[in-house]
Amino acid sequence: MTSTFRQSRASLLSICAWLFVISVVVNYVWEVGQGFLFEGMSSWESIWWHCFVASLGDGIILWIIYAVGWAIFKRADWFVDPGKGGYRAMLLTGLILAAVIEWGAVHVLQRWSYTNAMPLIPGLDIGITPIMQMLVLPPIIFYIVALRFKRIGIKSRSSSS
């Protein structure tokens, strides 16, 4: 195993760890904020636990968005300087994943349901706030993680060429 391979593997693990941790923390705040829009969230005990579990799933969604970006741009550090294409990839992937997961969880698996306060997307009958979550938060999370890597001196290939 070469030194470069070990370094790149260590960088990849570091990127994935930072993405997951920051994602869970940021998404947890969003999940708690929208908790009142879901049935069964009447006590603090149910809110903190359900929101924590949901934020773990959100962390996995961020990994998928990261992997899609890596596949498209052929760079593990694509999010450091994402440009318009990187943001389009984040938004489109986040939108598709959120819509599919939300629709499946509500209509197929019946994992959760909404209170009357949840604004719905007409025709799909899925909540707007979970969809907005995967449009608003991924760019913020990737930005925070990119700041971390810029601070420690890892530059993206696109900024050095």
C-alpha atoms as a PDB file:
ATOM      1  CA  MET A   1       0.000   0.000   0.000  1.00  0.00           C
ATOM      2  CA  THR A   2       1.551   3.284  -1.083  1.00  0.00           C
ATOM      3  CA  SER A   3       1.777   6.386   1.059  1.00  0.00           C
ATOM      4  CA  THR A   4      -0.434   8.289  -1.413  1.00  0.00           C
ATOM      5  CA  PHE A   5      -3.101   5.586  -1.247  1.00  0.00           C
ATOM      6  CA  ARG A   6      -3.046   5.672   2.572  1.00  0.00           C
ATOM      7  CA  GLN A   7      -3.306   9.456   2.552  1.00  0.00           C
ATOM      8  CA  SER A   8      -6.165   9.457   0.052  1.00  0.00           C
ATOM      9  CA  ARG A   9      -7.957   6.720   2.010  1.00  0.00           C
ATOM     10  CA  ALA A  10      -7.445   8.678   5.234  1.00  0.00           C
ATOM     11  CA  SER A  11      -8.767  11.822   3.524  1.00  0.00           C
ATOM     12  CA  LEU A  12     -11.830   9.945   2.276  1.00  0.00           C
ATOM     13  CA  LEU A  13     -12.550   8.557   5.747  1.00  0.00           C
ATOM     14  CA  SER A  14     -12.080  12.023   7.207  1.00  0.00           C
ATOM     15  CA  ILE A  15     -14.446  13.574   4.647  1.00  0.00           C
ATOM     16  CA  CYS A  16     -17.085  10.907   5.327  1.00  0.00           C
ATOM     17  CA  ALA A  17     -16.761  11.258   9.099  1.00  0.00           C
ATOM     18  CA  TRP A  18     -17.016  15.059   9.018  1.00  0.00           C
ATOM     19  CA  LEU A  19     -19.940  14.954   6.587  1.00  0.00           C
ATOM     20  CA  PHE A  20     -21.840  12.515   8.764  1.00  0.00           C
ATOM     21  CA  VAL A  21     -21.227  14.291  12.076  1.00  0.00           C
ATOM     22  CA  ILE A  22     -22.012  17.788  10.773  1.00  0.00           C
ATOM     23  CA  SER A  23     -25.025  16.431   8.904  1.00  0.00           C
ATOM     24  CA  VAL A  24     -26.464  14.709  11.969  1.00  0.00           C
ATOM     25  CA  VAL A  25     -26.054  17.831  14.114  1.00  0.00           C
ATOM     26  CA  VAL A  26     -27.498  20.274  11.556  1.00  0.00           C
ATOM     27  CA  ASN A  27     -30.327  17.958  10.498  1.00  0.00           C
ATOM     28  CA  TYR A  28     -31.211  17.224  14.134  1.00  0.00           C
ATOM     29  CA  VAL A  29     -31.983  20.914  14.668  1.00  0.00           C
ATOM     30  CA  TRP A  30     -34.203  20.902  11.546  1.00  0.00           C
ATOM     31  CA  GLU A  31     -35.908  17.665  12.581  1.00  0.00           C
ATOM     32  CA  VAL A  32     -36.761  19.036  16.028  1.00  0.00           C
ATOM     33  CA  GLY A  33     -38.040  22.242  14.428  1.00  0.00           C
ATOM     34  CA  GLN A  34     -40.433  20.369  12.159  1.00  0.00           C
ATOM     35  CA  GLY A  35     -41.362  17.711  14.731  1.00  0.00           C
ATOM     36  CA  PHE A  36     -44.725  19.285  15.519  1.00  0.00           C
ATOM     37  CA  LEU A  37     -45.762  18.671  11.891  1.00  0.00           C
ATOM     38  CA  PHE A  38     -45.685  14.879  12.404  1.00  0.00           C
ATOM     39  CA  GLU A  39     -48.179  12.680  14.227  1.00  0.00           C
ATOM     40  CA  GLY A  40     -47.025  11.123  17.498  1.00  0.00           C
ATOM     41  CA  MET A  41     -44.599  13.875  18.461  1.00  0.00           C
ATOM     42  CA  SER A  42     -46.433  15.022  21.558  1.00  0.00           C
ATOM     43  CA  SER A  43     -43.758  14.432  24.217  1.00  0.00           C
ATOM     44  CA  TRP A  44     -40.180  15.596  24.419  1.00  0.00           C
ATOM     45  CA  GLU A  45     -39.043  11.963  24.824  1.00  0.00           C
ATOM     46  CA  SER A  46     -40.581  10.954  21.503  1.00  0.00           C
ATOM     47  CA  ILE A  47     -39.375  14.121  19.773  1.00  0.00           C
ATOM     48  CA  TRP A  48     -35.711  13.861  20.758  1.00  0.00           C
ATOM     49  CA  TRP A  49     -35.501  10.136  19.976  1.00  0.00           C
ATOM     50  CA  HIS A  50     -37.385  10.171  16.646  1.00  0.00           C
ATOM     51  CA  CYS A  51     -35.523  13.292  15.524  1.00  0.00           C
ATOM     52  CA  PHE A  52     -32.176  11.751  16.448  1.00  0.00           C
ATOM     53  CA  VAL A  53     -32.906   8.570  14.484  1.00  0.00           C
ATOM     54  CA  ALA A  54     -34.153  10.644  11.531  1.00  0.00           C
ATOM     55  CA  SER A  55     -30.983  12.765  11.599  1.00  0.00           C
ATOM     56  CA  LEU A  56     -28.882   9.583  11.384  1.00  0.00           C
ATOM     57  CA  GLY A  57     -30.784   8.732   8.207  1.00  0.00           C
ATOM     58  CA  ASP A  58     -30.189  12.275   6.971  1.00  0.00           C
ATOM     59  CA  GLY A  59     -26.464  11.691   7.482  1.00  0.00           C
ATOM     60  CA  ILE A  60     -26.685   8.680   5.195  1.00  0.00           C
ATOM     61  CA  ILE A  61     -28.544  10.775   2.617  1.00  0.00           C
ATOM     62  CA  LEU A  62     -25.636  13.257   2.691  1.00  0.00           C
ATOM     63  CA  TRP A  63     -23.227  10.379   2.041  1.00  0.00           C
ATOM     64  CA  ILE A  64     -25.301   9.432  -1.006  1.00  0.00           C
ATOM     65  CA  ILE A  65     -25.272  13.034  -2.267  1.00  0.00           C
ATOM     66  CA  TYR A  66     -21.502  13.059  -1.733  1.00  0.00           C
ATOM     67  CA  ALA A  67     -21.091   9.781  -3.658  1.00  0.00           C
ATOM     68  CA  VAL A  68     -23.217  11.074  -6.550  1.00  0.00           C
ATOM     69  CA  GLY A  69     -21.088  14.230  -6.725  1.00  0.00           C
ATOM     70  CA  TRP A  70     -17.918  12.137  -6.659  1.00  0.00           C
ATOM     71  CA  ALA A  71     -19.237   9.950  -9.492  1.00  0.00           C
ATOM     72  CA  ILE A  72     -20.225  12.969 -11.591  1.00  0.00           C
ATOM     73  CA  PHE A  73     -17.107  15.084 -11.036  1.00  0.00           C
ATOM     74  CA  LYS A  74     -14.584  12.230 -10.603  1.00  0.00           C
ATOM     75  CA  ARG A  75     -13.120  14.015  -7.563  1.00  0.00           C
ATOM     76  CA  ALA A  76     -13.481  13.111  -3.899  1.00  0.00           C
ATOM     77  CA  ASP A  77     -13.117  16.800  -2.990  1.00  0.00           C
ATOM     78  CA  TRP A  78     -15.725  18.090  -5.474  1.00  0.00           C
ATOM     79  CA  PHE A  79     -17.645  19.904  -2.716  1.00  0.00           C
ATOM     80  CA  VAL A  80     -14.698  22.105  -1.661  1.00  0.00           C
ATOM     81  CA  ASP A  81     -15.232  24.348  -4.699  1.00  0.00           C
ATOM     82  CA  PRO A  82     -18.495  22.954  -6.089  1.00  0.00           C
ATOM     83  CA  GLY A  83     -19.348  25.647  -8.624  1.00  0.00           C
ATOM     84  CA  LYS A  84     -22.787  25.760 -10.226  1.00  0.00           C
ATOM     85  CA  GLY A  85     -22.577  22.121 -11.307  1.00  0.00           C
ATOM     86  CA  GLY A  86     -21.811  20.960  -7.780  1.00  0.00           C
ATOM     87  CA  TYR A  87     -24.721  22.900  -6.323  1.00  0.00           C
ATOM     88  CA  ARG A  88     -27.022  21.569  -9.054  1.00  0.00           C
ATOM     89  CA  ALA A  89     -25.897  18.030  -8.195  1.00  0.00           C
ATOM     90  CA  MET A  90     -26.558  18.637  -4.471  1.00  0.00           C
ATOM     91  CA  LEU A  91     -30.008  20.110  -5.102  1.00  0.00           C
ATOM     92  CA  LEU A  92     -31.190  17.619  -7.699  1.00  0.00           C
ATOM     93  CA  THR A  93     -29.912  14.581  -5.771  1.00  0.00           C
ATOM     94  CA  GLY A  94     -31.332  15.932  -2.492  1.00  0.00           C
ATOM     95  CA  LEU A  95     -34.697  16.628  -4.127  1.00  0.00           C
ATOM     96  CA  ILE A  96     -34.975  13.184  -5.707  1.00  0.00           C
ATOM     97  CA  LEU A  97     -33.849  11.322  -2.579  1.00  0.00           C
ATOM     98  CA  ALA A  98     -36.109  13.341  -0.282  1.00  0.00           C
ATOM     99  CA  ALA A  99     -39.172  12.917  -2.513  1.00  0.00           C
ATOM    100  CA  VAL A 100     -38.668   9.175  -2.989  1.00  0.00           C
ATOM    101  CA  ILE A 101     -37.954   8.525   0.695  1.00  0.00           C
ATOM    102  CA  GLU A 102     -40.812  10.716   1.904  1.00  0.00           C
ATOM    103  CA  TRP A 103     -43.340   9.272  -0.547  1.00  0.00           C
ATOM    104  CA  GLY A 104     -42.293   5.702   0.249  1.00  0.00           C
ATOM    105  CA  ALA A 105     -42.304   6.261   4.007  1.00  0.00           C
ATOM    106  CA  VAL A 106     -45.714   7.953   4.017  1.00  0.00           C
ATOM    107  CA  HIS A 107     -47.637   6.093   1.318  1.00  0.00           C
ATOM    108  CA  VAL A 108     -46.002   2.676   1.023  1.00  0.00           C
ATOM    109  CA  LEU A 109     -44.410   1.826   4.372  1.00  0.00           C
ATOM    110  CA  GLN A 110     -46.656   4.107   6.465  1.00  0.00           C
ATOM    111  CA  ARG A 111     -43.703   4.855   8.756  1.00  0.00           C
ATOM    112  CA  TRP A 112     -45.025   8.297   9.658  1.00  0.00           C
ATOM    113  CA  SER A 113     -47.907  10.632   9.009  1.00  0.00           C
ATOM    114  CA  TYR A 114     -48.481  14.352   9.215  1.00  0.00           C
ATOM    115  CA  THR A 115     -50.576  16.644  11.354  1.00  0.00           C
ATOM    116  CA  ASN A 116     -52.959  19.045   9.608  1.00  0.00           C
ATOM    117  CA  ALA A 117     -50.313  21.767  10.036  1.00  0.00           C
ATOM    118  CA  MET A 118     -47.929  20.124   7.505  1.00  0.00           C
ATOM    119  CA  PRO A 119     -48.049  21.875   4.133  1.00  0.00           C
ATOM    120  CA  LEU A 120     -48.275  19.238   1.393  1.00  0.00           C
ATOM    121  CA  ILE A 121     -47.016  19.086  -2.179  1.00  0.00           C
ATOM    122  CA  PRO A 122     -50.151  18.731  -4.326  1.00  0.00           C
ATOM    123  CA  GLY A 123     -50.398  15.497  -6.261  1.00  0.00           C
ATOM    124  CA  LEU A 124     -47.710  13.745  -4.208  1.00  0.00           C
ATOM    125  CA  ASP A 125     -49.281  14.381  -0.790  1.00  0.00           C
ATOM    126  CA  ILE A 126     -45.880  14.572   0.894  1.00  0.00           C
ATOM    127  CA  GLY A 127     -44.678  17.238   3.294  1.00  0.00           C
ATOM    128  CA  ILE A 128     -42.942  20.336   1.984  1.00  0.00           C
ATOM    129  CA  THR A 129     -40.627  20.763   4.987  1.00  0.00           C
ATOM    130  CA  PRO A 130     -38.842  17.380   4.609  1.00  0.00           C
ATOM    131  CA  ILE A 131     -38.269  18.166   0.924  1.00  0.00           C
ATOM    132  CA  MET A 132     -37.032  21.680   1.714  1.00  0.00           C
ATOM    133  CA  GLN A 133     -34.696  20.158   4.304  1.00  0.00           C
ATOM    134  CA  MET A 134     -32.778  18.282   1.594  1.00  0.00           C
ATOM    135  CA  LEU A 135     -32.647  21.386  -0.592  1.00  0.00           C
ATOM    136  CA  VAL A 136     -31.541  23.863   2.075  1.00  0.00           C
ATOM    137  CA  LEU A 137     -29.243  21.875   4.367  1.00  0.00           C
ATOM    138  CA  PRO A 138     -26.884  19.926   2.052  1.00  0.00           C
ATOM    139  CA  PRO A 139     -25.227  23.051   0.569  1.00  0.00           C
ATOM    140  CA  ILE A 140     -24.775  24.432   4.091  1.00  0.00           C
ATOM    141  CA  ILE A 141     -23.346  21.151   5.394  1.00  0.00           C
ATOM    142  CA  PHE A 142     -20.981  20.725   2.448  1.00  0.00           C
ATOM    143  CA  TYR A 143     -19.862  24.343   2.918  1.00  0.00           C
ATOM    144  CA  ILE A 144     -19.089  23.763   6.610  1.00  0.00           C
ATOM    145  CA  VAL A 145     -17.139  20.592   5.821  1.00  0.00           C
ATOM    146  CA  ALA A 146     -15.318  22.344   2.948  1.00  0.00           C
ATOM    147  CA  LEU A 147     -14.253  25.103   5.364  1.00  0.00           C
ATOM    148  CA  ARG A 148     -12.746  22.438   7.587  1.00  0.00           C
ATOM    149  CA  PHE A 149     -10.703  20.993   4.740  1.00  0.00           C
ATOM    150  CA  LYS A 150      -9.661  24.414   3.429  1.00  0.00           C
ATOM    151  CA  ARG A 151      -8.512  25.322   6.940  1.00  0.00           C
ATOM    152  CA  ILE A 152      -6.236  22.291   7.180  1.00  0.00           C
ATOM    153  CA  GLY A 153      -4.803  22.965   3.754  1.00  0.00           C
ATOM    154  CA  ILE A 154      -6.558  20.458   1.500  1.00  0.00           C
ATOM    155  CA  LYS A 155      -7.312  22.268  -1.723  1.00  0.00           C
ATOM    156  CA  SER A 156      -9.565  20.952  -4.428  1.00  0.00           C
ATOM    157  CA  ARG A 157      -7.975  19.985  -7.731  1.00  0.00           C
ATOM    158  CA  SER A 158     -10.169  22.477  -9.567  1.00  0.00           C
ATOM    159  CA  SER A 159      -8.805  25.407  -7.528  1.00  0.00           C
ATOM    160  CA  SER A 160      -5.187  24.387  -8.061  1.00  0.00           C
ATOM    161  CA  SER A 161      -5.412  23.987 -11.846  1.00  0.00           C
END
